[in-house]
Amino acid sequence: MAYFQLLILLFLMSFTTPLSSTSTAYEVLEGYDFPVGLLPSGVLGYKLDNSTAGKITNNKLYYLSGIEVKVAIFWLSLVSVTRNNDELEFSVGLANTDFPVSNF
């Protein structure tokens, strides 16, 4: 799971957000109703880049690119993360899987 958290961190370094640039990465996640556990502990900063892929809105990270997850022996590109109540749905396009928010 730590590898996935690192990938999310790399993604979050390049998304658009209406929150203040002085917010911590954890505050940004919480502001969009995501658990701070999507990021590894100890994140000191982040950079927002409006020109790259990836968007964040309440309960949804989407248009992701460059983030891959290993499923069995295959590497699949993660395209979105959606919060549905107490579940996070991770989508790789044609397939998705849910995890309890409490895991993060």
PDB file of N, CA and C in Angstrom:
ATOM      1  N   MET A   1       0.827  -1.195   0.000  1.00  0.00           N
ATOM      2  CA  MET A   1       0.000   0.000   0.000  1.00  0.00           C
ATOM      3  C   MET A   1       0.872   1.260   0.000  1.00  0.00           C
ATOM      4  N   ALA A   2       2.082   1.207   0.554  1.00  0.00           N
ATOM      5  CA  ALA A   2       2.948   2.380   0.601  1.00  0.00           C
ATOM      6  C   ALA A   2       3.310   2.855  -0.806  1.00  0.00           C
ATOM      7  N   TYR A   3       3.509   1.922  -1.740  1.00  0.00           N
ATOM      8  CA  TYR A   3       3.823   2.301  -3.114  1.00  0.00           C
ATOM      9  C   TYR A   3       2.676   3.101  -3.722  1.00  0.00           C
ATOM     10  N   PHE A   4       1.458   2.647  -3.477  1.00  0.00           N
ATOM     11  CA  PHE A   4       0.295   3.365  -3.987  1.00  0.00           C
ATOM     12  C   PHE A   4       0.235   4.766  -3.393  1.00  0.00           C
ATOM     13  N   GLN A   5       0.546   4.906  -2.097  1.00  0.00           N
ATOM     14  CA  GLN A   5       0.532   6.213  -1.456  1.00  0.00           C
ATOM     15  C   GLN A   5       1.552   7.140  -2.103  1.00  0.00           C
ATOM     16  N   LEU A   6       2.716   6.613  -2.441  1.00  0.00           N
ATOM     17  CA  LEU A   6       3.731   7.423  -3.104  1.00  0.00           C
ATOM     18  C   LEU A   6       3.243   7.891  -4.467  1.00  0.00           C
ATOM     19  N   LEU A   7       2.543   7.016  -5.194  1.00  0.00           N
ATOM     20  CA  LEU A   7       2.014   7.402  -6.497  1.00  0.00           C
ATOM     21  C   LEU A   7       0.975   8.509  -6.363  1.00  0.00           C
ATOM     22  N   ILE A   8       0.121   8.404  -5.356  1.00  0.00           N
ATOM     23  CA  ILE A   8      -0.874   9.458  -5.125  1.00  0.00           C
ATOM     24  C   ILE A   8      -0.161  10.766  -4.795  1.00  0.00           C
ATOM     25  N   LEU A   9       0.895  10.706  -3.994  1.00  0.00           N
ATOM     26  CA  LEU A   9       1.662  11.907  -3.660  1.00  0.00           C
ATOM     27  C   LEU A   9       2.193  12.560  -4.932  1.00  0.00           C
ATOM     28  N   LEU A  10       2.757  11.762  -5.824  1.00  0.00           N
ATOM     29  CA  LEU A  10       3.283  12.320  -7.062  1.00  0.00           C
ATOM     30  C   LEU A  10       2.185  12.971  -7.881  1.00  0.00           C
ATOM     31  N   PHE A  11       1.006  12.357  -7.886  1.00  0.00           N
ATOM     32  CA  PHE A  11      -0.118  12.958  -8.599  1.00  0.00           C
ATOM     33  C   PHE A  11      -0.527  14.287  -7.962  1.00  0.00           C
ATOM     34  N   LEU A  12      -0.622  14.299  -6.651  1.00  0.00           N
ATOM     35  CA  LEU A  12      -1.095  15.499  -5.963  1.00  0.00           C
ATOM     36  C   LEU A  12      -0.141  16.671  -6.125  1.00  0.00           C
ATOM     37  N   MET A  13       1.067  16.387  -6.550  1.00  0.00           N
ATOM     38  CA  MET A  13       2.009  17.466  -6.774  1.00  0.00           C
ATOM     39  C   MET A  13       1.670  18.245  -8.036  1.00  0.00           C
ATOM     40  N   SER A  14       0.644  17.790  -8.779  1.00  0.00           N
ATOM     41  CA  SER A  14       0.341  18.467 -10.039  1.00  0.00           C
ATOM     42  C   SER A  14      -1.157  18.553 -10.328  1.00  0.00           C
ATOM     43  N   PHE A  15      -1.969  18.940  -9.344  1.00  0.00           N
ATOM     44  CA  PHE A  15      -3.397  19.087  -9.613  1.00  0.00           C
ATOM     45  C   PHE A  15      -3.840  20.519  -9.395  1.00  0.00           C
ATOM     46  N   THR A  16      -5.032  20.809  -9.882  1.00  0.00           N
ATOM     47  CA  THR A  16      -5.587  22.140  -9.702  1.00  0.00           C
ATOM     48  C   THR A  16      -6.474  22.139  -8.470  1.00  0.00           C
ATOM     49  N   THR A  17      -6.503  23.245  -7.762  1.00  0.00           N
ATOM     50  CA  THR A  17      -7.294  23.327  -6.533  1.00  0.00           C
ATOM     51  C   THR A  17      -7.669  24.765  -6.236  1.00  0.00           C
ATOM     52  N   PRO A  18      -8.877  24.996  -5.698  1.00  0.00           N
ATOM     53  CA  PRO A  18      -9.250  26.340  -5.304  1.00  0.00           C
ATOM     54  C   PRO A  18      -8.748  26.695  -3.912  1.00  0.00           C
ATOM     55  N   LEU A  19      -8.146  25.732  -3.197  1.00  0.00           N
ATOM     56  CA  LEU A  19      -7.667  26.007  -1.846  1.00  0.00           C
ATOM     57  C   LEU A  19      -6.409  26.856  -1.891  1.00  0.00           C
ATOM     58  N   SER A  20      -6.116  27.481  -0.800  1.00  0.00           N
ATOM     59  CA  SER A  20      -4.936  28.325  -0.679  1.00  0.00           C
ATOM     60  C   SER A  20      -3.670  27.509  -0.905  1.00  0.00           C
ATOM     61  N   SER A  21      -2.687  28.114  -1.558  1.00  0.00           N
ATOM     62  CA  SER A  21      -1.426  27.409  -1.788  1.00  0.00           C
ATOM     63  C   SER A  21      -0.639  27.235  -0.500  1.00  0.00           C
ATOM     64  N   THR A  22      -1.094  27.840   0.596  1.00  0.00           N
ATOM     65  CA  THR A  22      -0.416  27.649   1.872  1.00  0.00           C
ATOM     66  C   THR A  22      -1.000  26.470   2.651  1.00  0.00           C
ATOM     67  N   SER A  23      -2.011  25.821   2.111  1.00  0.00           N
ATOM     68  CA  SER A  23      -2.573  24.637   2.750  1.00  0.00           C
ATOM     69  C   SER A  23      -1.582  23.489   2.635  1.00  0.00           C
ATOM     70  N   THR A  24      -1.563  22.606   3.641  1.00  0.00           N
ATOM     71  CA  THR A  24      -0.723  21.418   3.532  1.00  0.00           C
ATOM     72  C   THR A  24      -1.379  20.446   2.562  1.00  0.00           C
ATOM     73  N   ALA A  25      -0.614  19.479   2.084  1.00  0.00           N
ATOM     74  CA  ALA A  25      -1.165  18.464   1.188  1.00  0.00           C
ATOM     75  C   ALA A  25      -2.298  17.715   1.878  1.00  0.00           C
ATOM     76  N   TYR A  26      -2.171  17.505   3.189  1.00  0.00           N
ATOM     77  CA  TYR A  26      -3.208  16.812   3.954  1.00  0.00           C
ATOM     78  C   TYR A  26      -4.486  17.655   4.045  1.00  0.00           C
ATOM     79  N   GLU A  27      -4.330  18.951   4.235  1.00  0.00           N
ATOM     80  CA  GLU A  27      -5.494  19.844   4.288  1.00  0.00           C
ATOM     81  C   GLU A  27      -6.213  19.895   2.947  1.00  0.00           C
ATOM     82  N   VAL A  28      -5.438  19.839   1.866  1.00  0.00           N
ATOM     83  CA  VAL A  28      -6.052  19.827   0.534  1.00  0.00           C
ATOM     84  C   VAL A  28      -6.904  18.577   0.382  1.00  0.00           C
ATOM     85  N   LEU A  29      -6.355  17.420   0.742  1.00  0.00           N
ATOM     86  CA  LEU A  29      -7.137  16.176   0.657  1.00  0.00           C
ATOM     87  C   LEU A  29      -8.396  16.263   1.501  1.00  0.00           C
ATOM     88  N   GLU A  30      -8.259  16.706   2.749  1.00  0.00           N
ATOM     89  CA  GLU A  30      -9.420  16.813   3.634  1.00  0.00           C
ATOM     90  C   GLU A  30     -10.450  17.796   3.087  1.00  0.00           C
ATOM     91  N   GLY A  31      -9.995  18.867   2.452  1.00  0.00           N
ATOM     92  CA  GLY A  31     -10.896  19.855   1.881  1.00  0.00           C
ATOM     93  C   GLY A  31     -11.783  19.287   0.783  1.00  0.00           C
ATOM     94  N   TYR A  32     -11.330  18.199   0.168  1.00  0.00           N
ATOM     95  CA  TYR A  32     -12.112  17.535  -0.870  1.00  0.00           C
ATOM     96  C   TYR A  32     -12.712  16.222  -0.382  1.00  0.00           C
ATOM     97  N   ASP A  33     -12.739  16.028   0.931  1.00  0.00           N
ATOM     98  CA  ASP A  33     -13.357  14.878   1.586  1.00  0.00           C
ATOM     99  C   ASP A  33     -12.629  13.556   1.330  1.00  0.00           C
ATOM    100  N   PHE A  34     -11.308  13.624   1.187  1.00  0.00           N
ATOM    101  CA  PHE A  34     -10.499  12.422   1.070  1.00  0.00           C
ATOM    102  C   PHE A  34      -9.725  12.207   2.361  1.00  0.00           C
ATOM    103  N   PRO A  35      -9.442  10.950   2.709  1.00  0.00           N
ATOM    104  CA  PRO A  35      -8.663  10.681   3.914  1.00  0.00           C
ATOM    105  C   PRO A  35      -7.192  11.049   3.700  1.00  0.00           C
ATOM    106  N   VAL A  36      -6.566  11.566   4.730  1.00  0.00           N
ATOM    107  CA  VAL A  36      -5.162  11.967   4.612  1.00  0.00           C
ATOM    108  C   VAL A  36      -4.248  10.768   4.415  1.00  0.00           C
ATOM    109  N   GLY A  37      -4.732   9.568   4.722  1.00  0.00           N
ATOM    110  CA  GLY A  37      -3.940   8.361   4.555  1.00  0.00           C
ATOM    111  C   GLY A  37      -3.646   7.997   3.112  1.00  0.00           C
ATOM    112  N   LEU A  38      -4.210   8.722   2.141  1.00  0.00           N
ATOM    113  CA  LEU A  38      -3.820   8.496   0.748  1.00  0.00           C
ATOM    114  C   LEU A  38      -2.368   8.888   0.528  1.00  0.00           C
ATOM    115  N   LEU A  39      -1.852   9.754   1.379  1.00  0.00           N
ATOM    116  CA  LEU A  39      -0.461  10.192   1.296  1.00  0.00           C
ATOM    117  C   LEU A  39       0.352   9.542   2.410  1.00  0.00           C
ATOM    118  N   PRO A  40       1.626   9.311   2.168  1.00  0.00           N
ATOM    119  CA  PRO A  40       2.470   8.807   3.255  1.00  0.00           C
ATOM    120  C   PRO A  40       2.632   9.874   4.328  1.00  0.00           C
ATOM    121  N   SER A  41       2.881   9.458   5.555  1.00  0.00           N
ATOM    122  CA  SER A  41       3.081  10.439   6.627  1.00  0.00           C
ATOM    123  C   SER A  41       4.398  11.172   6.409  1.00  0.00           C
ATOM    124  N   GLY A  42       4.427  12.425   6.817  1.00  0.00           N
ATOM    125  CA  GLY A  42       5.642  13.217   6.717  1.00  0.00           C
ATOM    126  C   GLY A  42       5.770  14.061   5.469  1.00  0.00           C
ATOM    127  N   VAL A  43       4.721  14.180   4.662  1.00  0.00           N
ATOM    128  CA  VAL A  43       4.793  15.025   3.470  1.00  0.00           C
ATOM    129  C   VAL A  43       5.002  16.463   3.919  1.00  0.00           C
ATOM    130  N   LEU A  44       6.033  17.098   3.406  1.00  0.00           N
ATOM    131  CA  LEU A  44       6.376  18.452   3.829  1.00  0.00           C
ATOM    132  C   LEU A  44       5.840  19.536   2.911  1.00  0.00           C
ATOM    133  N   GLY A  45       5.517  19.180   1.685  1.00  0.00           N
ATOM    134  CA  GLY A  45       5.035  20.201   0.768  1.00  0.00           C
ATOM    135  C   GLY A  45       4.553  19.584  -0.532  1.00  0.00           C
ATOM    136  N   TYR A  46       4.108  20.437  -1.423  1.00  0.00           N
ATOM    137  CA  TYR A  46       3.621  20.012  -2.721  1.00  0.00           C
ATOM    138  C   TYR A  46       3.642  21.209  -3.650  1.00  0.00           C
ATOM    139  N   LYS A  47       3.511  20.945  -4.926  1.00  0.00           N
ATOM    140  CA  LYS A  47       3.484  22.006  -5.922  1.00  0.00           C
ATOM    141  C   LYS A  47       2.240  21.813  -6.774  1.00  0.00           C
ATOM    142  N   LEU A  48       1.491  22.871  -6.989  1.00  0.00           N
ATOM    143  CA  LEU A  48       0.315  22.819  -7.851  1.00  0.00           C
ATOM    144  C   LEU A  48       0.703  23.304  -9.232  1.00  0.00           C
ATOM    145  N   ASP A  49       0.320  22.547 -10.253  1.00  0.00           N
ATOM    146  CA  ASP A  49       0.645  22.898 -11.627  1.00  0.00           C
ATOM    147  C   ASP A  49      -0.615  22.769 -12.461  1.00  0.00           C
ATOM    148  N   ASN A  50      -1.216  23.881 -12.825  1.00  0.00           N
ATOM    149  CA  ASN A  50      -2.477  23.880 -13.558  1.00  0.00           C
ATOM    150  C   ASN A  50      -2.348  23.370 -14.990  1.00  0.00           C
ATOM    151  N   SER A  51      -1.126  23.220 -15.511  1.00  0.00           N
ATOM    152  CA  SER A  51      -0.959  22.824 -16.903  1.00  0.00           C
ATOM    153  C   SER A  51      -0.867  21.316 -17.099  1.00  0.00           C
ATOM    154  N   THR A  52      -0.847  20.515 -16.037  1.00  0.00           N
ATOM    155  CA  THR A  52      -0.687  19.071 -16.177  1.00  0.00           C
ATOM    156  C   THR A  52      -2.014  18.338 -15.982  1.00  0.00           C
ATOM    157  N   ALA A  53      -1.993  17.031 -16.294  1.00  0.00           N
ATOM    158  CA  ALA A  53      -3.207  16.204 -16.161  1.00  0.00           C
ATOM    159  C   ALA A  53      -3.543  15.996 -14.706  1.00  0.00           C
ATOM    160  N   GLY A  54      -4.806  15.730 -14.439  1.00  0.00           N
ATOM    161  CA  GLY A  54      -5.264  15.437 -13.091  1.00  0.00           C
ATOM    162  C   GLY A  54      -6.127  16.555 -12.552  1.00  0.00           C
ATOM    163  N   LYS A  55      -7.258  16.182 -12.010  1.00  0.00           N
ATOM    164  CA  LYS A  55      -8.196  17.139 -11.409  1.00  0.00           C
ATOM    165  C   LYS A  55      -8.653  16.594 -10.076  1.00  0.00           C
ATOM    166  N   ILE A  56      -9.014  17.476  -9.184  1.00  0.00           N
ATOM    167  CA  ILE A  56      -9.583  17.071  -7.902  1.00  0.00           C
ATOM    168  C   ILE A  56     -10.817  17.925  -7.644  1.00  0.00           C
ATOM    169  N   THR A  57     -11.898  17.260  -7.269  1.00  0.00           N
ATOM    170  CA  THR A  57     -13.131  17.920  -6.863  1.00  0.00           C
ATOM    171  C   THR A  57     -13.622  17.175  -5.630  1.00  0.00           C
ATOM    172  N   ASN A  58     -14.701  17.651  -5.036  1.00  0.00           N
ATOM    173  CA  ASN A  58     -15.225  16.940  -3.874  1.00  0.00           C
ATOM    174  C   ASN A  58     -15.464  15.479  -4.231  1.00  0.00           C
ATOM    175  N   ASN A  59     -14.836  14.616  -3.471  1.00  0.00           N
ATOM    176  CA  ASN A  59     -15.008  13.161  -3.579  1.00  0.00           C
ATOM    177  C   ASN A  59     -14.492  12.531  -4.865  1.00  0.00           C
ATOM    178  N   LYS A  60     -13.674  13.245  -5.662  1.00  0.00           N
ATOM    179  CA  LYS A  60     -13.194  12.628  -6.899  1.00  0.00           C
ATOM    180  C   LYS A  60     -11.838  13.183  -7.332  1.00  0.00           C
ATOM    181  N   LEU A  61     -10.905  12.264  -7.579  1.00  0.00           N
ATOM    182  CA  LEU A  61      -9.642  12.542  -8.249  1.00  0.00           C
ATOM    183  C   LEU A  61      -9.783  11.904  -9.626  1.00  0.00           C
ATOM    184  N   TYR A  62      -9.582  12.654 -10.702  1.00  0.00           N
ATOM    185  CA  TYR A  62      -9.818  12.087 -12.022  1.00  0.00           C
ATOM    186  C   TYR A  62      -8.893  12.711 -13.056  1.00  0.00           C
ATOM    187  N   TYR A  63      -8.955  12.186 -14.266  1.00  0.00           N
ATOM    188  CA  TYR A  63      -8.024  12.532 -15.343  1.00  0.00           C
ATOM    189  C   TYR A  63      -6.589  12.283 -14.895  1.00  0.00           C
ATOM    190  N   LEU A  64      -6.415  11.213 -14.131  1.00  0.00           N
ATOM    191  CA  LEU A  64      -5.081  10.889 -13.641  1.00  0.00           C
ATOM    192  C   LEU A  64      -4.236  10.346 -14.787  1.00  0.00           C
ATOM    193  N   SER A  65      -2.963  10.651 -14.738  1.00  0.00           N
ATOM    194  CA  SER A  65      -2.036  10.057 -15.695  1.00  0.00           C
ATOM    195  C   SER A  65      -0.701   9.867 -14.997  1.00  0.00           C
ATOM    196  N   GLY A  66       0.019   8.840 -15.406  1.00  0.00           N
ATOM    197  CA  GLY A  66       1.328   8.579 -14.837  1.00  0.00           C
ATOM    198  C   GLY A  66       1.307   7.866 -13.500  1.00  0.00           C
ATOM    199  N   ILE A  67       0.128   7.406 -13.060  1.00  0.00           N
ATOM    200  CA  ILE A  67       0.027   6.674 -11.800  1.00  0.00           C
ATOM    201  C   ILE A  67      -0.353   5.239 -12.124  1.00  0.00           C
ATOM    202  N   GLU A  68       0.491   4.312 -11.713  1.00  0.00           N
ATOM    203  CA  GLU A  68       0.227   2.910 -11.988  1.00  0.00           C
ATOM    204  C   GLU A  68       0.137   2.119 -10.698  1.00  0.00           C
ATOM    205  N   VAL A  69      -0.679   1.077 -10.723  1.00  0.00           N
ATOM    206  CA  VAL A  69      -0.810   0.165  -9.591  1.00  0.00           C
ATOM    207  C   VAL A  69      -0.538  -1.243 -10.096  1.00  0.00           C
ATOM    208  N   LYS A  70       0.091  -2.043  -9.253  1.00  0.00           N
ATOM    209  CA  LYS A  70       0.386  -3.419  -9.634  1.00  0.00           C
ATOM    210  C   LYS A  70      -0.738  -4.319  -9.149  1.00  0.00           C
ATOM    211  N   VAL A  71      -1.342  -5.041 -10.078  1.00  0.00           N
ATOM    212  CA  VAL A  71      -2.391  -5.996  -9.780  1.00  0.00           C
ATOM    213  C   VAL A  71      -1.880  -7.353 -10.258  1.00  0.00           C
ATOM    214  N   ALA A  72      -1.596  -8.233  -9.304  1.00  0.00           N
ATOM    215  CA  ALA A  72      -0.976  -9.529  -9.596  1.00  0.00           C
ATOM    216  C   ALA A  72       0.371  -9.262 -10.272  1.00  0.00           C
ATOM    217  N   ILE A  73       0.512  -9.645 -11.535  1.00  0.00           N
ATOM    218  CA  ILE A  73       1.791  -9.420 -12.224  1.00  0.00           C
ATOM    219  C   ILE A  73       1.714  -8.291 -13.245  1.00  0.00           C
ATOM    220  N   PHE A  74       0.571  -7.610 -13.299  1.00  0.00           N
ATOM    221  CA  PHE A  74       0.351  -6.558 -14.292  1.00  0.00           C
ATOM    222  C   PHE A  74       0.400  -5.171 -13.657  1.00  0.00           C
ATOM    223  N   TRP A  75       0.935  -4.211 -14.398  1.00  0.00           N
ATOM    224  CA  TRP A  75       0.883  -2.812 -13.999  1.00  0.00           C
ATOM    225  C   TRP A  75      -0.244  -2.149 -14.778  1.00  0.00           C
ATOM    226  N   LEU A  76      -1.186  -1.527 -14.049  1.00  0.00           N
ATOM    227  CA  LEU A  76      -2.333  -0.880 -14.681  1.00  0.00           C
ATOM    228  C   LEU A  76      -2.343   0.603 -14.334  1.00  0.00           C
ATOM    229  N   SER A  77      -2.767   1.430 -15.269  1.00  0.00           N
ATOM    230  CA  SER A  77      -2.831   2.877 -15.049  1.00  0.00           C
ATOM    231  C   SER A  77      -4.082   3.242 -14.260  1.00  0.00           C
ATOM    232  N   LEU A  78      -3.889   3.923 -13.161  1.00  0.00           N
ATOM    233  CA  LEU A  78      -5.007   4.400 -12.350  1.00  0.00           C
ATOM    234  C   LEU A  78      -5.566   5.652 -13.008  1.00  0.00           C
ATOM    235  N   VAL A  79      -6.885   5.680 -13.258  1.00  0.00           N
ATOM    236  CA  VAL A  79      -7.477   6.830 -13.936  1.00  0.00           C
ATOM    237  C   VAL A  79      -8.337   7.685 -13.016  1.00  0.00           C
ATOM    238  N   SER A  80      -8.846   7.096 -11.913  1.00  0.00           N
ATOM    239  CA  SER A  80      -9.634   7.920 -10.994  1.00  0.00           C
ATOM    240  C   SER A  80      -9.754   7.258  -9.632  1.00  0.00           C
ATOM    241  N   VAL A  81     -10.022   8.104  -8.640  1.00  0.00           N
ATOM    242  CA  VAL A  81     -10.333   7.667  -7.281  1.00  0.00           C
ATOM    243  C   VAL A  81     -11.582   8.434  -6.885  1.00  0.00           C
ATOM    244  N   THR A  82     -12.620   7.709  -6.491  1.00  0.00           N
ATOM    245  CA  THR A  82     -13.892   8.329  -6.131  1.00  0.00           C
ATOM    246  C   THR A  82     -14.292   7.891  -4.736  1.00  0.00           C
ATOM    247  N   ARG A  83     -14.711   8.856  -3.927  1.00  0.00           N
ATOM    248  CA  ARG A  83     -15.222   8.510  -2.600  1.00  0.00           C
ATOM    249  C   ARG A  83     -16.737   8.381  -2.673  1.00  0.00           C
ATOM    250  N   ASN A  84     -17.237   7.218  -2.269  1.00  0.00           N
ATOM    251  CA  ASN A  84     -18.667   6.955  -2.171  1.00  0.00           C
ATOM    252  C   ASN A  84     -18.956   6.614  -0.711  1.00  0.00           C
ATOM    253  N   ASN A  85     -19.400   7.602   0.056  1.00  0.00           N
ATOM    254  CA  ASN A  85     -19.662   7.434   1.482  1.00  0.00           C
ATOM    255  C   ASN A  85     -18.401   6.951   2.192  1.00  0.00           C
ATOM    256  N   ASP A  86     -18.392   5.741   2.708  1.00  0.00           N
ATOM    257  CA  ASP A  86     -17.238   5.229   3.457  1.00  0.00           C
ATOM    258  C   ASP A  86     -16.366   4.297   2.634  1.00  0.00           C
ATOM    259  N   GLU A  87     -16.431   4.428   1.305  1.00  0.00           N
ATOM    260  CA  GLU A  87     -15.633   3.590   0.407  1.00  0.00           C
ATOM    261  C   GLU A  87     -14.878   4.470  -0.581  1.00  0.00           C
ATOM    262  N   LEU A  88     -13.674   4.028  -0.939  1.00  0.00           N
ATOM    263  CA  LEU A  88     -12.914   4.651  -2.019  1.00  0.00           C
ATOM    264  C   LEU A  88     -12.891   3.682  -3.181  1.00  0.00           C
ATOM    265  N   GLU A  89     -13.299   4.153  -4.342  1.00  0.00           N
ATOM    266  CA  GLU A  89     -13.288   3.329  -5.552  1.00  0.00           C
ATOM    267  C   GLU A  89     -12.097   3.749  -6.404  1.00  0.00           C
ATOM    268  N   PHE A  90     -11.212   2.796  -6.677  1.00  0.00           N
ATOM    269  CA  PHE A  90     -10.041   3.025  -7.511  1.00  0.00           C
ATOM    270  C   PHE A  90     -10.327   2.419  -8.880  1.00  0.00           C
ATOM    271  N   SER A  91     -10.237   3.232  -9.930  1.00  0.00           N
ATOM    272  CA  SER A  91     -10.575   2.781 -11.277  1.00  0.00           C
ATOM    273  C   SER A  91      -9.340   2.754 -12.166  1.00  0.00           C
ATOM    274  N   VAL A  92      -9.226   1.676 -12.934  1.00  0.00           N
ATOM    275  CA  VAL A  92      -8.166   1.563 -13.932  1.00  0.00           C
ATOM    276  C   VAL A  92      -8.767   1.564 -15.343  1.00  0.00           C
ATOM    277  N   GLY A  93      -9.927   2.146 -15.464  1.00  0.00           N
ATOM    278  CA  GLY A  93     -10.606   2.224 -16.755  1.00  0.00           C
ATOM    279  C   GLY A  93     -11.772   1.265 -16.818  1.00  0.00           C
ATOM    280  N   LEU A  94     -11.535   0.078 -17.347  1.00  0.00           N
ATOM    281  CA  LEU A  94     -12.604  -0.900 -17.489  1.00  0.00           C
ATOM    282  C   LEU A  94     -12.919  -1.638 -16.189  1.00  0.00           C
ATOM    283  N   ALA A  95     -12.050  -1.577 -15.229  1.00  0.00           N
ATOM    284  CA  ALA A  95     -12.253  -2.277 -13.952  1.00  0.00           C
ATOM    285  C   ALA A  95     -12.024  -1.322 -12.793  1.00  0.00           C
ATOM    286  N   ASN A  96     -12.659  -1.633 -11.684  1.00  0.00           N
ATOM    287  CA  ASN A  96     -12.439  -0.844 -10.473  1.00  0.00           C
ATOM    288  C   ASN A  96     -12.577  -1.737  -9.253  1.00  0.00           C
ATOM    289  N   THR A  97     -12.085  -1.223  -8.132  1.00  0.00           N
ATOM    290  CA  THR A  97     -12.200  -1.942  -6.878  1.00  0.00           C
ATOM    291  C   THR A  97     -12.413  -0.943  -5.759  1.00  0.00           C
ATOM    292  N   ASP A  98     -13.112  -1.375  -4.718  1.00  0.00           N
ATOM    293  CA  ASP A  98     -13.425  -0.512  -3.590  1.00  0.00           C
ATOM    294  C   ASP A  98     -12.637  -0.931  -2.365  1.00  0.00           C
ATOM    295  N   PHE A  99     -12.260   0.076  -1.562  1.00  0.00           N
ATOM    296  CA  PHE A  99     -11.621  -0.152  -0.269  1.00  0.00           C
ATOM    297  C   PHE A  99     -12.313   0.742   0.751  1.00  0.00           C
ATOM    298  N   PRO A 100     -12.450   0.279   1.977  1.00  0.00           N
ATOM    299  CA  PRO A 100     -13.026   1.132   3.023  1.00  0.00           C
ATOM    300  C   PRO A 100     -12.128   2.346   3.278  1.00  0.00           C
ATOM    301  N   VAL A 101     -12.735   3.503   3.479  1.00  0.00           N
ATOM    302  CA  VAL A 101     -11.982   4.720   3.789  1.00  0.00           C
ATOM    303  C   VAL A 101     -11.137   4.499   5.046  1.00  0.00           C
ATOM    304  N   SER A 102     -11.634   3.685   5.960  1.00  0.00           N
ATOM    305  CA  SER A 102     -10.905   3.428   7.209  1.00  0.00           C
ATOM    306  C   SER A 102      -9.537   2.772   6.968  1.00  0.00           C
ATOM    307  N   ASN A 103      -9.313   2.185   5.777  1.00  0.00           N
ATOM    308  CA  ASN A 103      -7.996   1.634   5.447  1.00  0.00           C
ATOM    309  C   ASN A 103      -6.950   2.724   5.260  1.00  0.00           C
ATOM    310  N   PHE A 104      -7.410   3.942   5.076  1.00  0.00           N
ATOM    311  CA  PHE A 104      -6.497   5.034   4.782  1.00  0.00           C
ATOM    312  C   PHE A 104      -6.475   6.051   5.892  1.00  0.00           C
TER     313      PHE A 104
END
